[in-house]
Protein backbone atom coordinates (compact mmCIF):
# COMPACT_ATOMS: atom_id res chain seq x y z
CA MET A 1 -90.39 -39.76 -70.09
CA PRO A 2 -93.35 -41.34 -68.39
CA ALA A 3 -96.55 -42.19 -70.34
CA GLU A 4 -99.51 -39.77 -70.12
CA ARG A 5 -102.05 -41.15 -67.63
CA ARG A 6 -105.03 -39.04 -68.52
CA ASP A 7 -108.08 -40.27 -70.73
CA ALA A 8 -108.11 -36.95 -72.57
CA PRO A 9 -105.11 -35.11 -73.73
CA ARG A 10 -104.56 -31.71 -72.31
CA ILE A 11 -104.68 -28.77 -74.68
CA PRO A 12 -102.68 -25.52 -73.93
CA TYR A 13 -105.27 -22.91 -73.51
CA VAL A 14 -105.10 -19.75 -71.24
CA LEU A 15 -108.43 -18.57 -70.06
CA GLU A 16 -109.72 -16.13 -67.44
CA ALA A 17 -111.12 -18.01 -64.41
CA MET A 18 -112.43 -17.57 -60.95
CA LEU A 19 -111.69 -20.16 -58.19
CA SER A 20 -113.13 -20.82 -54.99
CA ASN A 21 -112.43 -23.41 -52.33
CA GLY A 22 -115.46 -22.64 -50.27
CA GLU A 23 -113.71 -20.97 -47.38
CA HIS A 24 -112.88 -17.71 -49.41
CA GLY A 25 -114.73 -16.05 -52.30
CA PHE A 26 -114.01 -16.37 -55.70
CA GLN A 27 -110.50 -15.23 -56.55
CA PRO A 28 -109.18 -14.62 -60.18
CA CYS A 29 -106.87 -16.90 -61.90
CA LYS A 30 -105.94 -18.25 -65.31
CA THR A 31 -105.76 -21.75 -66.93
CA ARG A 32 -102.80 -23.24 -68.52
CA ASP A 33 -104.22 -26.24 -70.22
CA ILE A 34 -107.49 -27.77 -70.45
CA SER A 35 -109.00 -31.27 -71.33
CA LEU A 36 -112.53 -32.80 -71.31
CA ASN A 37 -111.80 -34.19 -67.70
CA GLY A 38 -109.95 -31.35 -66.11
CA VAL A 39 -107.88 -28.50 -66.14
CA PHE A 40 -104.69 -27.00 -64.71
CA VAL A 41 -104.98 -23.53 -62.93
CA LEU A 42 -102.35 -21.18 -62.25
CA THR A 43 -102.56 -19.81 -58.93
CA ARG A 44 -100.29 -19.22 -55.77
CA ASP A 45 -103.09 -19.82 -53.23
CA GLY A 46 -101.37 -21.90 -50.52
CA ASN A 47 -104.69 -22.76 -48.95
CA LEU A 48 -105.62 -25.16 -51.96
CA ARG A 49 -104.52 -28.46 -50.99
CA ARG A 50 -104.42 -31.86 -52.73
CA LYS A 51 -107.51 -33.99 -52.15
CA GLY A 52 -109.80 -30.87 -51.63
CA SER A 53 -112.78 -29.64 -53.89
CA VAL A 54 -113.25 -26.41 -55.74
CA GLU A 55 -115.84 -24.42 -57.55
CA LEU A 56 -114.33 -23.13 -60.91
CA ALA A 57 -115.93 -20.60 -63.17
CA VAL A 58 -114.26 -20.40 -66.62
CA LYS A 59 -114.74 -17.66 -69.38
CA VAL A 60 -115.45 -19.75 -72.29
CA PRO A 61 -115.33 -17.89 -75.70
CA ALA A 62 -118.34 -18.03 -77.72
CA ALA A 63 -120.56 -19.71 -74.97
CA ALA A 64 -124.09 -18.91 -74.40
CA LYS A 65 -123.27 -18.06 -70.85
CA PRO A 66 -120.28 -15.74 -70.24
CA MET A 67 -119.08 -18.12 -67.46
CA GLN A 68 -119.24 -21.85 -67.20
CA HIS A 69 -119.17 -23.23 -63.75
CA PHE A 70 -117.45 -26.54 -62.72
CA HIS A 71 -117.15 -28.55 -59.68
CA ALA A 72 -113.76 -30.25 -59.50
CA GLN A 73 -111.43 -32.17 -57.17
CA ILE A 74 -107.77 -31.13 -56.67
CA VAL A 75 -105.58 -33.99 -57.81
CA HIS A 76 -102.19 -32.23 -57.95
CA ALA A 77 -100.97 -29.25 -56.14
CA GLY A 78 -97.62 -27.46 -56.80
CA PRO A 79 -95.89 -24.18 -56.38
CA ASP A 80 -97.23 -22.70 -59.62
CA GLY A 81 -100.93 -24.12 -59.44
CA ILE A 82 -103.21 -26.96 -59.08
CA GLY A 83 -104.43 -29.86 -61.30
CA LEU A 84 -108.30 -30.25 -61.33
CA LEU A 85 -110.35 -33.19 -62.14
CA PHE A 86 -113.97 -32.30 -63.11
CA ASP A 87 -116.97 -33.82 -61.24
CA HIS A 88 -120.57 -33.29 -61.43
CA THR A 89 -120.44 -31.63 -64.77
CA THR A 90 -123.86 -30.74 -66.25
CA LYS A 91 -124.61 -30.72 -69.95
CA GLU A 92 -124.82 -27.12 -69.95
CA GLY A 93 -121.13 -26.68 -68.77
CA TYR A 94 -119.79 -29.81 -70.78
CA VAL A 95 -121.04 -28.85 -74.14
CA PRO A 96 -119.18 -25.54 -74.35
CA LEU A 97 -116.08 -27.44 -72.94
CA ILE A 98 -116.34 -29.99 -75.79
CA ARG A 99 -116.53 -27.40 -78.46
CA LEU A 100 -113.60 -25.41 -76.95
CA VAL A 101 -111.38 -28.56 -76.69
CA PHE A 102 -111.90 -30.00 -80.04
CA ALA A 103 -111.75 -26.41 -81.73
CA LYS A 104 -108.31 -26.29 -80.41
CA ARG A 105 -107.32 -29.69 -81.21
CA ARG A 106 -108.15 -29.52 -84.98
CA LEU A 107 -105.08 -30.49 -87.25
CA PRO A 108 -103.74 -27.62 -89.57
CA GLU A 109 -104.67 -29.72 -92.59
CA LEU A 110 -108.13 -30.05 -91.61
CA LEU A 111 -108.77 -26.20 -91.38
């Protein structure tokens, strides 16, 4: 099995989201997993290609704002969805992401 190339481990987490590539309005989708650096989004939109950029709005539980917005680059495109790398992330969007990821990463013995 190849070694993980990511700086931040992915956490399986299904969240409601909206995705736009700028050509079309926001379309509903769901996340499959998330990390501090990116997310895999389940979508069958064939218009999304590798090396493109997208806007992603994610419904993060217990966040001050109902939807957190991220700009991201498509780094992987497959038949079931796309892998995104976050860029231009603001503190306002990153803090809820940190809380979300670290809450899911807690080890059972620490709870």
